[in-house]
Amino acid sequence: MLVVGLGNPGARYERTRHNVGWRVLAALEARWRCEPAESAPLYRTRRAEVAGRAVHLMWPLTYMNESGQALASWLAVHATAESEVLVVSDDVYLPVGTLRFRPQGSSGGHRGLESIEQSLASRAFARLRIGVGQVDAAGLREHVLEGFEPEEEAAMTEIVPRAAEAVECWVRDGIGAAMNRFNRKADKEAEAP
């Protein structure tokens, strides 16, 4: 199984909205006590055994819009079914801290997800989107490359471990169980008047 966290390399981007996927991977690395695995020019990975399954965590070392290149490089060496891939990314269409699993679907305009879709030549991979706050289209580029406001950062400090728990649920119990357990609250809140 492979969990890909989307983000941008370098200290400048470390705490930005776009790098929330990397924050989740860091939480999983600690939670699972991962071992170093491969490092390549386009990615670095860590490995753990979870519920009797080998799970790899991947940090693409490309910029966000080229994340698919890192995945393609990894897949050239490791045969992995689409159903065994989970991509963790930010989502500007969800409120800060909202988790949303999907078994497949469109990129929703997220360039990192678009790059992954092109690499796989498919949209049939699971994704966990993490809300980083909404903004109008004119300010989108700046928004995702900025850090969180203090109250948003407090929410992210709580949601990153929950997102790690959600990924573990996906590994142990599959996408259906993960959706039922972690999408429920967000869906109910969205329906509230």
N, C-alpha and C. Protein backbone atom coordinates (compact mmCIF):
# COMPACT_ATOMS: atom_id res chain seq x y z
N MET A 1 0.85 -1.17 0.00
CA MET A 1 0.00 0.00 0.00
C MET A 1 0.89 1.23 0.00
N LEU A 2 0.39 2.28 -0.62
CA LEU A 2 1.16 3.51 -0.76
C LEU A 2 0.30 4.71 -0.37
N VAL A 3 0.80 5.53 0.54
CA VAL A 3 0.15 6.77 0.92
C VAL A 3 1.04 7.91 0.45
N VAL A 4 0.52 8.72 -0.47
CA VAL A 4 1.27 9.84 -1.04
C VAL A 4 0.74 11.13 -0.42
N GLY A 5 1.61 11.88 0.21
CA GLY A 5 1.23 13.18 0.76
C GLY A 5 1.68 14.27 -0.18
N LEU A 6 0.76 15.10 -0.62
CA LEU A 6 1.12 16.17 -1.55
C LEU A 6 1.63 17.39 -0.80
N GLY A 7 2.62 18.04 -1.40
CA GLY A 7 3.22 19.23 -0.81
C GLY A 7 4.31 19.76 -1.71
N ASN A 8 4.98 20.79 -1.25
CA ASN A 8 6.11 21.38 -1.95
C ASN A 8 7.36 21.22 -1.10
N PRO A 9 8.50 20.94 -1.73
CA PRO A 9 9.74 20.79 -0.96
C PRO A 9 10.30 22.14 -0.52
N GLY A 10 11.07 22.12 0.55
CA GLY A 10 11.77 23.31 1.01
C GLY A 10 11.13 23.95 2.22
N ALA A 11 11.97 24.56 3.04
CA ALA A 11 11.52 25.17 4.30
C ALA A 11 10.50 26.27 4.07
N ARG A 12 10.59 26.99 2.96
CA ARG A 12 9.67 28.08 2.64
C ARG A 12 8.21 27.61 2.64
N TYR A 13 7.96 26.35 2.27
CA TYR A 13 6.59 25.85 2.11
C TYR A 13 6.12 24.96 3.26
N GLU A 14 7.00 24.69 4.19
CA GLU A 14 6.75 23.67 5.21
C GLU A 14 5.42 23.81 5.92
N ARG A 15 5.03 25.00 6.34
CA ARG A 15 3.80 25.17 7.13
C ARG A 15 2.68 25.83 6.32
N THR A 16 2.76 25.75 4.99
CA THR A 16 1.72 26.34 4.15
C THR A 16 0.52 25.41 4.04
N ARG A 17 -0.55 25.97 3.54
CA ARG A 17 -1.79 25.20 3.35
C ARG A 17 -1.57 24.04 2.37
N HIS A 18 -0.78 24.28 1.33
CA HIS A 18 -0.52 23.23 0.34
C HIS A 18 0.21 22.03 0.93
N ASN A 19 0.89 22.19 2.05
CA ASN A 19 1.72 21.12 2.59
C ASN A 19 1.06 20.31 3.69
N VAL A 20 -0.24 20.42 3.82
CA VAL A 20 -0.92 19.67 4.87
C VAL A 20 -0.76 18.16 4.67
N GLY A 21 -0.66 17.69 3.43
CA GLY A 21 -0.43 16.27 3.17
C GLY A 21 0.88 15.79 3.77
N TRP A 22 1.91 16.62 3.72
CA TRP A 22 3.20 16.27 4.31
C TRP A 22 3.10 16.22 5.84
N ARG A 23 2.29 17.11 6.40
CA ARG A 23 2.12 17.11 7.86
C ARG A 23 1.47 15.80 8.31
N VAL A 24 0.52 15.31 7.53
CA VAL A 24 -0.13 14.04 7.87
C VAL A 24 0.87 12.90 7.77
N LEU A 25 1.71 12.91 6.74
CA LEU A 25 2.73 11.86 6.63
C LEU A 25 3.69 11.88 7.81
N ALA A 26 4.08 13.07 8.26
CA ALA A 26 4.97 13.17 9.42
C ALA A 26 4.30 12.58 10.66
N ALA A 27 3.00 12.82 10.82
CA ALA A 27 2.27 12.26 11.95
C ALA A 27 2.21 10.73 11.85
N LEU A 28 2.00 10.22 10.65
CA LEU A 28 1.97 8.76 10.45
C LEU A 28 3.35 8.15 10.68
N GLU A 29 4.38 8.83 10.24
CA GLU A 29 5.74 8.33 10.42
C GLU A 29 6.03 8.12 11.91
N ALA A 30 5.62 9.07 12.73
CA ALA A 30 5.81 8.95 14.18
C ALA A 30 4.88 7.90 14.77
N ARG A 31 3.63 7.91 14.36
CA ARG A 31 2.62 6.98 14.89
C ARG A 31 3.01 5.52 14.63
N TRP A 32 3.49 5.26 13.43
CA TRP A 32 3.81 3.89 13.03
C TRP A 32 5.28 3.52 13.26
N ARG A 33 6.07 4.46 13.74
CA ARG A 33 7.51 4.23 13.94
C ARG A 33 8.14 3.66 12.66
N CYS A 34 7.95 4.38 11.60
CA CYS A 34 8.40 3.93 10.27
C CYS A 34 9.91 3.80 10.19
N GLU A 35 10.30 2.92 9.30
CA GLU A 35 11.71 2.73 8.98
C GLU A 35 12.03 3.50 7.71
N PRO A 36 13.25 4.00 7.59
CA PRO A 36 13.64 4.61 6.31
C PRO A 36 13.50 3.57 5.20
N ALA A 37 13.06 4.02 4.06
CA ALA A 37 12.96 3.15 2.90
C ALA A 37 13.76 3.81 1.78
N GLU A 38 13.21 3.90 0.60
CA GLU A 38 13.95 4.45 -0.52
C GLU A 38 13.98 5.97 -0.52
N SER A 39 15.08 6.48 -1.00
CA SER A 39 15.16 7.88 -1.37
C SER A 39 15.64 7.90 -2.81
N ALA A 40 15.00 8.72 -3.60
CA ALA A 40 15.33 8.83 -5.01
C ALA A 40 15.31 10.32 -5.35
N PRO A 41 15.77 10.69 -6.53
CA PRO A 41 15.76 12.11 -6.87
C PRO A 41 14.37 12.76 -6.79
N LEU A 42 13.31 11.99 -7.06
CA LEU A 42 11.97 12.57 -7.12
C LEU A 42 11.12 12.32 -5.88
N TYR A 43 11.59 11.51 -4.94
CA TYR A 43 10.78 11.22 -3.76
C TYR A 43 11.64 10.65 -2.64
N ARG A 44 11.03 10.64 -1.44
CA ARG A 44 11.60 9.86 -0.34
C ARG A 44 10.45 9.08 0.27
N THR A 45 10.75 7.91 0.81
CA THR A 45 9.71 7.07 1.39
C THR A 45 10.13 6.54 2.76
N ARG A 46 9.13 6.16 3.51
CA ARG A 46 9.29 5.46 4.78
C ARG A 46 8.38 4.25 4.71
N ARG A 47 8.70 3.23 5.50
CA ARG A 47 7.95 1.97 5.44
C ARG A 47 7.55 1.54 6.83
N ALA A 48 6.35 0.92 6.93
CA ALA A 48 5.88 0.37 8.19
C ALA A 48 5.02 -0.84 7.91
N GLU A 49 4.87 -1.68 8.93
CA GLU A 49 3.90 -2.78 8.89
C GLU A 49 2.69 -2.33 9.69
N VAL A 50 1.54 -2.33 9.06
CA VAL A 50 0.30 -1.90 9.71
C VAL A 50 -0.75 -2.96 9.43
N ALA A 51 -1.28 -3.56 10.49
CA ALA A 51 -2.30 -4.60 10.35
C ALA A 51 -1.82 -5.70 9.40
N GLY A 52 -0.54 -6.05 9.51
CA GLY A 52 0.00 -7.13 8.68
C GLY A 52 0.27 -6.75 7.24
N ARG A 53 0.19 -5.46 6.92
CA ARG A 53 0.41 -5.01 5.54
C ARG A 53 1.61 -4.07 5.50
N ALA A 54 2.39 -4.19 4.44
CA ALA A 54 3.48 -3.25 4.22
C ALA A 54 2.87 -1.96 3.67
N VAL A 55 3.16 -0.86 4.34
CA VAL A 55 2.66 0.45 3.91
C VAL A 55 3.85 1.37 3.70
N HIS A 56 3.87 2.02 2.55
CA HIS A 56 4.90 3.01 2.24
C HIS A 56 4.29 4.40 2.30
N LEU A 57 5.02 5.32 2.90
CA LEU A 57 4.64 6.73 2.89
C LEU A 57 5.56 7.43 1.90
N MET A 58 4.99 8.23 1.00
CA MET A 58 5.80 8.91 0.00
C MET A 58 5.65 10.42 0.07
N TRP A 59 6.80 11.10 0.17
CA TRP A 59 6.89 12.54 0.04
C TRP A 59 7.44 12.84 -1.35
N PRO A 60 6.64 13.29 -2.32
CA PRO A 60 7.22 13.69 -3.60
C PRO A 60 8.16 14.87 -3.38
N LEU A 61 9.31 14.87 -4.01
CA LEU A 61 10.28 15.95 -3.88
C LEU A 61 10.21 16.91 -5.06
N THR A 62 9.19 16.72 -5.88
CA THR A 62 8.90 17.65 -6.97
C THR A 62 8.02 18.76 -6.39
N TYR A 63 7.78 19.78 -7.17
CA TYR A 63 6.78 20.75 -6.75
C TYR A 63 5.40 20.15 -6.97
N MET A 64 4.42 20.71 -6.29
CA MET A 64 3.06 20.18 -6.27
C MET A 64 2.55 19.79 -7.66
N ASN A 65 2.71 20.69 -8.63
CA ASN A 65 2.13 20.46 -9.96
C ASN A 65 2.79 19.32 -10.72
N GLU A 66 3.89 18.77 -10.18
CA GLU A 66 4.60 17.67 -10.84
C GLU A 66 4.63 16.41 -9.97
N SER A 67 3.73 16.31 -9.02
CA SER A 67 3.70 15.18 -8.09
C SER A 67 3.60 13.84 -8.80
N GLY A 68 2.91 13.81 -9.92
CA GLY A 68 2.75 12.57 -10.68
C GLY A 68 4.07 12.00 -11.16
N GLN A 69 5.05 12.85 -11.41
CA GLN A 69 6.37 12.36 -11.83
C GLN A 69 6.99 11.50 -10.74
N ALA A 70 6.85 11.93 -9.50
CA ALA A 70 7.39 11.15 -8.38
C ALA A 70 6.68 9.81 -8.28
N LEU A 71 5.36 9.84 -8.41
CA LEU A 71 4.60 8.58 -8.34
C LEU A 71 4.97 7.66 -9.49
N ALA A 72 5.09 8.19 -10.69
CA ALA A 72 5.48 7.38 -11.85
C ALA A 72 6.84 6.73 -11.63
N SER A 73 7.77 7.48 -11.05
CA SER A 73 9.10 6.95 -10.78
C SER A 73 9.02 5.79 -9.79
N TRP A 74 8.20 5.93 -8.74
CA TRP A 74 8.05 4.87 -7.74
C TRP A 74 7.36 3.64 -8.35
N LEU A 75 6.31 3.89 -9.14
CA LEU A 75 5.56 2.78 -9.74
C LEU A 75 6.38 2.01 -10.77
N ALA A 76 7.38 2.65 -11.35
CA ALA A 76 8.25 1.95 -12.31
C ALA A 76 9.02 0.82 -11.63
N VAL A 77 9.19 0.92 -10.30
CA VAL A 77 9.94 -0.08 -9.54
C VAL A 77 9.02 -0.98 -8.72
N HIS A 78 7.88 -0.43 -8.28
CA HIS A 78 6.97 -1.14 -7.38
C HIS A 78 5.60 -1.30 -8.03
N ALA A 79 5.25 -2.52 -8.39
CA ALA A 79 3.92 -2.75 -8.95
C ALA A 79 2.89 -2.55 -7.84
N THR A 80 2.01 -1.56 -8.01
CA THR A 80 1.01 -1.24 -7.01
C THR A 80 -0.31 -0.96 -7.70
N ALA A 81 -1.36 -1.64 -7.29
CA ALA A 81 -2.68 -1.43 -7.87
C ALA A 81 -3.22 -0.06 -7.45
N GLU A 82 -4.03 0.54 -8.30
CA GLU A 82 -4.64 1.83 -7.97
C GLU A 82 -5.41 1.77 -6.66
N SER A 83 -6.04 0.64 -6.39
CA SER A 83 -6.82 0.49 -5.16
C SER A 83 -5.94 0.49 -3.91
N GLU A 84 -4.64 0.37 -4.09
CA GLU A 84 -3.68 0.36 -2.98
C GLU A 84 -3.00 1.71 -2.79
N VAL A 85 -3.49 2.74 -3.50
CA VAL A 85 -2.90 4.08 -3.43
C VAL A 85 -3.89 5.04 -2.79
N LEU A 86 -3.42 5.81 -1.81
CA LEU A 86 -4.19 6.88 -1.19
C LEU A 86 -3.38 8.15 -1.30
N VAL A 87 -3.99 9.22 -1.82
CA VAL A 87 -3.34 10.51 -1.94
C VAL A 87 -3.96 11.46 -0.92
N VAL A 88 -3.12 12.09 -0.11
CA VAL A 88 -3.57 13.04 0.91
C VAL A 88 -3.23 14.44 0.42
N SER A 89 -4.25 15.30 0.34
CA SER A 89 -4.02 16.64 -0.19
C SER A 89 -4.86 17.68 0.54
N ASP A 90 -4.48 18.93 0.30
CA ASP A 90 -5.27 20.06 0.79
C ASP A 90 -6.49 20.24 -0.12
N ASP A 91 -7.52 20.94 0.39
CA ASP A 91 -8.70 21.25 -0.41
C ASP A 91 -9.22 22.62 -0.01
N VAL A 92 -9.20 23.55 -0.97
CA VAL A 92 -9.65 24.92 -0.68
C VAL A 92 -11.16 25.06 -0.72
N TYR A 93 -11.87 24.00 -1.07
CA TYR A 93 -13.32 24.07 -1.12
C TYR A 93 -13.97 23.54 0.15
N LEU A 94 -13.16 23.07 1.08
CA LEU A 94 -13.66 22.56 2.35
C LEU A 94 -13.25 23.50 3.48
N PRO A 95 -14.10 23.64 4.50
CA PRO A 95 -13.71 24.46 5.66
C PRO A 95 -12.46 23.89 6.33
N VAL A 96 -11.72 24.76 6.98
CA VAL A 96 -10.48 24.36 7.66
C VAL A 96 -10.74 23.18 8.59
N GLY A 97 -9.94 22.14 8.42
CA GLY A 97 -10.01 20.99 9.31
C GLY A 97 -11.00 19.92 8.93
N THR A 98 -11.76 20.10 7.86
CA THR A 98 -12.71 19.09 7.42
C THR A 98 -11.96 17.97 6.69
N LEU A 99 -12.31 16.73 6.98
CA LEU A 99 -11.74 15.57 6.28
C LEU A 99 -12.77 15.03 5.31
N ARG A 100 -12.32 14.63 4.11
CA ARG A 100 -13.24 14.09 3.13
C ARG A 100 -12.53 13.01 2.32
N PHE A 101 -12.92 11.74 2.55
CA PHE A 101 -12.43 10.62 1.75
C PHE A 101 -13.28 10.48 0.50
N ARG A 102 -12.66 10.06 -0.58
CA ARG A 102 -13.36 9.66 -1.79
C ARG A 102 -12.61 8.46 -2.38
N PRO A 103 -13.35 7.48 -2.92
CA PRO A 103 -12.68 6.32 -3.51
C PRO A 103 -12.06 6.62 -4.87
N GLN A 104 -12.54 7.69 -5.52
CA GLN A 104 -12.04 8.13 -6.82
C GLN A 104 -12.72 9.45 -7.14
N GLY A 105 -12.45 10.00 -8.29
CA GLY A 105 -13.14 11.23 -8.67
C GLY A 105 -12.23 12.18 -9.41
N SER A 106 -12.72 13.40 -9.58
CA SER A 106 -11.95 14.40 -10.32
C SER A 106 -10.96 15.11 -9.40
N SER A 107 -10.09 15.85 -10.03
CA SER A 107 -9.09 16.61 -9.27
C SER A 107 -9.70 17.83 -8.61
N GLY A 108 -10.85 18.27 -9.08
CA GLY A 108 -11.46 19.48 -8.55
C GLY A 108 -10.59 20.71 -8.80
N GLY A 109 -9.74 20.64 -9.82
CA GLY A 109 -8.86 21.76 -10.14
C GLY A 109 -7.55 21.76 -9.37
N HIS A 110 -7.34 20.77 -8.50
CA HIS A 110 -6.10 20.68 -7.73
C HIS A 110 -5.00 20.15 -8.64
N ARG A 111 -3.98 20.96 -8.86
CA ARG A 111 -2.96 20.58 -9.85
C ARG A 111 -2.12 19.38 -9.43
N GLY A 112 -1.93 19.19 -8.14
CA GLY A 112 -1.21 18.01 -7.68
C GLY A 112 -1.99 16.74 -7.99
N LEU A 113 -3.30 16.78 -7.74
CA LEU A 113 -4.14 15.63 -8.07
C LEU A 113 -4.21 15.41 -9.59
N GLU A 114 -4.26 16.50 -10.35
CA GLU A 114 -4.25 16.37 -11.82
C GLU A 114 -2.99 15.65 -12.28
N SER A 115 -1.86 16.00 -11.69
CA SER A 115 -0.60 15.37 -12.05
C SER A 115 -0.61 13.88 -11.72
N ILE A 116 -1.18 13.52 -10.56
CA ILE A 116 -1.30 12.11 -10.17
C ILE A 116 -2.20 11.38 -11.16
N GLU A 117 -3.33 11.99 -11.52
CA GLU A 117 -4.25 11.37 -12.49
C GLU A 117 -3.55 11.10 -13.82
N GLN A 118 -2.76 12.06 -14.28
CA GLN A 118 -2.03 11.88 -15.54
C GLN A 118 -1.02 10.75 -15.43
N SER A 119 -0.35 10.67 -14.28
CA SER A 119 0.65 9.62 -14.08
C SER A 119 0.02 8.23 -14.10
N LEU A 120 -1.13 8.11 -13.43
CA LEU A 120 -1.81 6.81 -13.37
C LEU A 120 -2.68 6.55 -14.60
N ALA A 121 -2.92 7.59 -15.40
CA ALA A 121 -3.88 7.52 -16.51
C ALA A 121 -5.23 7.05 -16.00
N SER A 122 -5.58 7.52 -14.81
CA SER A 122 -6.81 7.07 -14.16
C SER A 122 -7.17 8.02 -13.03
N ARG A 123 -8.45 8.02 -12.68
CA ARG A 123 -8.93 8.75 -11.50
C ARG A 123 -9.35 7.76 -10.41
N ALA A 124 -9.10 6.48 -10.63
CA ALA A 124 -9.59 5.42 -9.73
C ALA A 124 -8.61 5.14 -8.60
N PHE A 125 -8.24 6.19 -7.86
CA PHE A 125 -7.41 6.03 -6.67
C PHE A 125 -8.08 6.80 -5.54
N ALA A 126 -7.89 6.30 -4.32
CA ALA A 126 -8.51 6.95 -3.16
C ALA A 126 -7.80 8.25 -2.85
N ARG A 127 -8.57 9.17 -2.29
CA ARG A 127 -7.98 10.42 -1.86
C ARG A 127 -8.60 10.87 -0.55
N LEU A 128 -7.78 11.47 0.27
CA LEU A 128 -8.22 12.10 1.51
C LEU A 128 -7.90 13.57 1.38
N ARG A 129 -8.96 14.36 1.32
CA ARG A 129 -8.81 15.81 1.19
C ARG A 129 -8.99 16.44 2.57
N ILE A 130 -8.17 17.42 2.85
CA ILE A 130 -8.21 18.12 4.13
C ILE A 130 -8.50 19.59 3.86
N GLY A 131 -9.59 20.07 4.43
CA GLY A 131 -9.98 21.46 4.21
C GLY A 131 -8.97 22.44 4.77
N VAL A 132 -8.59 23.42 3.93
CA VAL A 132 -7.64 24.44 4.36
C VAL A 132 -8.24 25.84 4.26
N GLY A 133 -9.55 25.91 4.07
CA GLY A 133 -10.23 27.20 4.02
C GLY A 133 -10.46 27.69 2.62
N GLN A 134 -11.60 28.31 2.45
CA GLN A 134 -12.03 28.75 1.13
C GLN A 134 -11.51 30.15 0.81
N VAL A 135 -11.37 30.40 -0.48
CA VAL A 135 -10.93 31.70 -0.97
C VAL A 135 -11.45 31.84 -2.39
N ASP A 136 -11.61 33.07 -2.86
CA ASP A 136 -12.06 33.26 -4.24
C ASP A 136 -10.94 32.91 -5.20
N ALA A 137 -11.31 32.66 -6.45
CA ALA A 137 -10.35 32.18 -7.44
C ALA A 137 -9.17 33.13 -7.64
N ALA A 138 -9.42 34.44 -7.53
CA ALA A 138 -8.36 35.42 -7.76
C ALA A 138 -7.22 35.29 -6.75
N GLY A 139 -7.53 34.87 -5.52
CA GLY A 139 -6.51 34.78 -4.49
C GLY A 139 -6.01 33.38 -4.21
N LEU A 140 -6.39 32.42 -5.05
CA LEU A 140 -6.11 31.00 -4.77
C LEU A 140 -4.62 30.70 -4.66
N ARG A 141 -3.83 31.16 -5.62
CA ARG A 141 -2.39 30.83 -5.62
C ARG A 141 -1.72 31.30 -4.33
N GLU A 142 -1.99 32.53 -3.94
CA GLU A 142 -1.39 33.06 -2.72
C GLU A 142 -1.90 32.32 -1.48
N HIS A 143 -3.20 32.02 -1.49
CA HIS A 143 -3.84 31.36 -0.34
C HIS A 143 -3.16 30.04 0.00
N VAL A 144 -2.94 29.19 -0.99
CA VAL A 144 -2.39 27.86 -0.71
C VAL A 144 -0.91 27.91 -0.36
N LEU A 145 -0.23 29.00 -0.71
CA LEU A 145 1.20 29.12 -0.41
C LEU A 145 1.46 29.95 0.84
N GLU A 146 0.38 30.28 1.57
CA GLU A 146 0.49 31.00 2.83
C GLU A 146 0.32 30.04 3.99
N GLY A 147 0.78 30.48 5.16
CA GLY A 147 0.53 29.72 6.38
C GLY A 147 -0.89 29.96 6.87
N PHE A 148 -1.25 29.22 7.90
CA PHE A 148 -2.58 29.35 8.49
C PHE A 148 -2.61 30.52 9.48
N GLU A 149 -3.76 31.12 9.62
CA GLU A 149 -3.98 32.11 10.68
C GLU A 149 -3.91 31.36 12.02
N PRO A 150 -3.63 32.06 13.13
CA PRO A 150 -3.46 31.36 14.42
C PRO A 150 -4.62 30.45 14.81
N GLU A 151 -5.86 30.89 14.61
CA GLU A 151 -6.99 30.04 14.97
C GLU A 151 -7.12 28.84 14.03
N GLU A 152 -6.74 29.04 12.76
CA GLU A 152 -6.74 27.93 11.81
C GLU A 152 -5.64 26.93 12.16
N GLU A 153 -4.47 27.44 12.54
CA GLU A 153 -3.37 26.56 12.93
C GLU A 153 -3.75 25.72 14.13
N ALA A 154 -4.50 26.29 15.06
CA ALA A 154 -4.98 25.52 16.22
C ALA A 154 -5.87 24.38 15.75
N ALA A 155 -6.74 24.66 14.78
CA ALA A 155 -7.61 23.61 14.23
C ALA A 155 -6.79 22.54 13.52
N MET A 156 -5.75 22.95 12.79
CA MET A 156 -4.92 21.99 12.07
C MET A 156 -4.13 21.12 13.03
N THR A 157 -3.71 21.69 14.15
CA THR A 157 -2.98 20.92 15.15
C THR A 157 -3.84 19.77 15.67
N GLU A 158 -5.15 19.97 15.71
CA GLU A 158 -6.07 18.92 16.13
C GLU A 158 -6.40 17.96 14.99
N ILE A 159 -6.53 18.47 13.78
CA ILE A 159 -7.01 17.63 12.68
C ILE A 159 -5.92 16.75 12.09
N VAL A 160 -4.66 17.17 12.14
CA VAL A 160 -3.60 16.34 11.54
C VAL A 160 -3.52 14.96 12.20
N PRO A 161 -3.54 14.85 13.54
CA PRO A 161 -3.58 13.50 14.13
C PRO A 161 -4.85 12.73 13.77
N ARG A 162 -5.97 13.44 13.64
CA ARG A 162 -7.21 12.77 13.23
C ARG A 162 -7.10 12.26 11.79
N ALA A 163 -6.46 13.03 10.94
CA ALA A 163 -6.24 12.59 9.56
C ALA A 163 -5.33 11.36 9.53
N ALA A 164 -4.32 11.33 10.41
CA ALA A 164 -3.46 10.15 10.50
C ALA A 164 -4.27 8.93 10.93
N GLU A 165 -5.16 9.13 11.88
CA GLU A 165 -6.05 8.06 12.31
C GLU A 165 -6.94 7.60 11.15
N ALA A 166 -7.39 8.55 10.34
CA ALA A 166 -8.24 8.22 9.18
C ALA A 166 -7.46 7.38 8.16
N VAL A 167 -6.21 7.74 7.92
CA VAL A 167 -5.38 6.95 6.98
C VAL A 167 -5.20 5.54 7.53
N GLU A 168 -4.97 5.42 8.82
CA GLU A 168 -4.81 4.09 9.41
C GLU A 168 -6.09 3.27 9.24
N CYS A 169 -7.24 3.90 9.39
CA CYS A 169 -8.51 3.22 9.17
C CYS A 169 -8.60 2.72 7.72
N TRP A 170 -8.17 3.56 6.77
CA TRP A 170 -8.16 3.15 5.36
C TRP A 170 -7.29 1.91 5.17
N VAL A 171 -6.12 1.90 5.79
CA VAL A 171 -5.21 0.76 5.66
C VAL A 171 -5.85 -0.50 6.25
N ARG A 172 -6.39 -0.37 7.46
CA ARG A 172 -6.92 -1.53 8.18
C ARG A 172 -8.25 -2.04 7.63
N ASP A 173 -9.15 -1.10 7.30
CA ASP A 173 -10.54 -1.47 7.04
C ASP A 173 -11.06 -1.11 5.65
N GLY A 174 -10.30 -0.36 4.88
CA GLY A 174 -10.71 -0.02 3.53
C GLY A 174 -11.41 1.33 3.42
N ILE A 175 -11.64 1.73 2.18
CA ILE A 175 -12.17 3.05 1.90
C ILE A 175 -13.60 3.23 2.41
N GLY A 176 -14.43 2.20 2.31
CA GLY A 176 -15.82 2.32 2.77
C GLY A 176 -15.89 2.62 4.26
N ALA A 177 -15.15 1.89 5.05
CA ALA A 177 -15.14 2.12 6.49
C ALA A 177 -14.57 3.50 6.81
N ALA A 178 -13.53 3.90 6.10
CA ALA A 178 -12.92 5.21 6.35
C ALA A 178 -13.90 6.33 6.01
N MET A 179 -14.63 6.18 4.91
CA MET A 179 -15.63 7.19 4.55
C MET A 179 -16.74 7.26 5.60
N ASN A 180 -17.23 6.11 6.02
CA ASN A 180 -18.32 6.08 7.01
C ASN A 180 -17.90 6.71 8.33
N ARG A 181 -16.68 6.48 8.72
CA ARG A 181 -16.23 6.96 10.02
C ARG A 181 -15.78 8.42 10.01
N PHE A 182 -15.11 8.85 8.93
CA PHE A 182 -14.48 10.17 8.95
C PHE A 182 -15.18 11.22 8.10
N ASN A 183 -16.05 10.82 7.17
CA ASN A 183 -16.78 11.82 6.39
C ASN A 183 -18.06 12.25 7.08
N ARG A 184 -18.57 11.44 7.97
CA ARG A 184 -19.89 11.66 8.55
C ARG A 184 -20.05 13.04 9.16
N LYS A 185 -19.17 13.45 10.03
CA LYS A 185 -19.30 14.73 10.72
C LYS A 185 -19.29 15.88 9.72
N ALA A 186 -18.37 15.84 8.78
CA ALA A 186 -18.28 16.92 7.80
C ALA A 186 -19.54 17.01 6.96
N ASP A 187 -20.08 15.85 6.54
CA ASP A 187 -21.29 15.86 5.73
C ASP A 187 -22.46 16.42 6.52
N LYS A 188 -22.59 16.03 7.78
CA LYS A 188 -23.70 16.54 8.61
C LYS A 188 -23.58 18.04 8.82
N GLU A 189 -22.35 18.53 9.03
CA GLU A 189 -22.15 19.97 9.22
C GLU A 189 -22.51 20.74 7.95
N ALA A 190 -22.17 20.16 6.80
CA ALA A 190 -22.47 20.84 5.53
C ALA A 190 -23.96 20.94 5.31
N GLU A 191 -24.74 19.97 5.82
CA GLU A 191 -26.18 19.97 5.63
C GLU A 191 -26.90 20.87 6.63
N ALA A 192 -26.24 21.24 7.71
CA ALA A 192 -26.89 22.03 8.75
C ALA A 192 -27.27 23.39 8.20
N PRO A 193 -28.42 23.96 8.65
CA PRO A 193 -28.84 25.27 8.15
C PRO A 193 -27.93 26.38 8.64
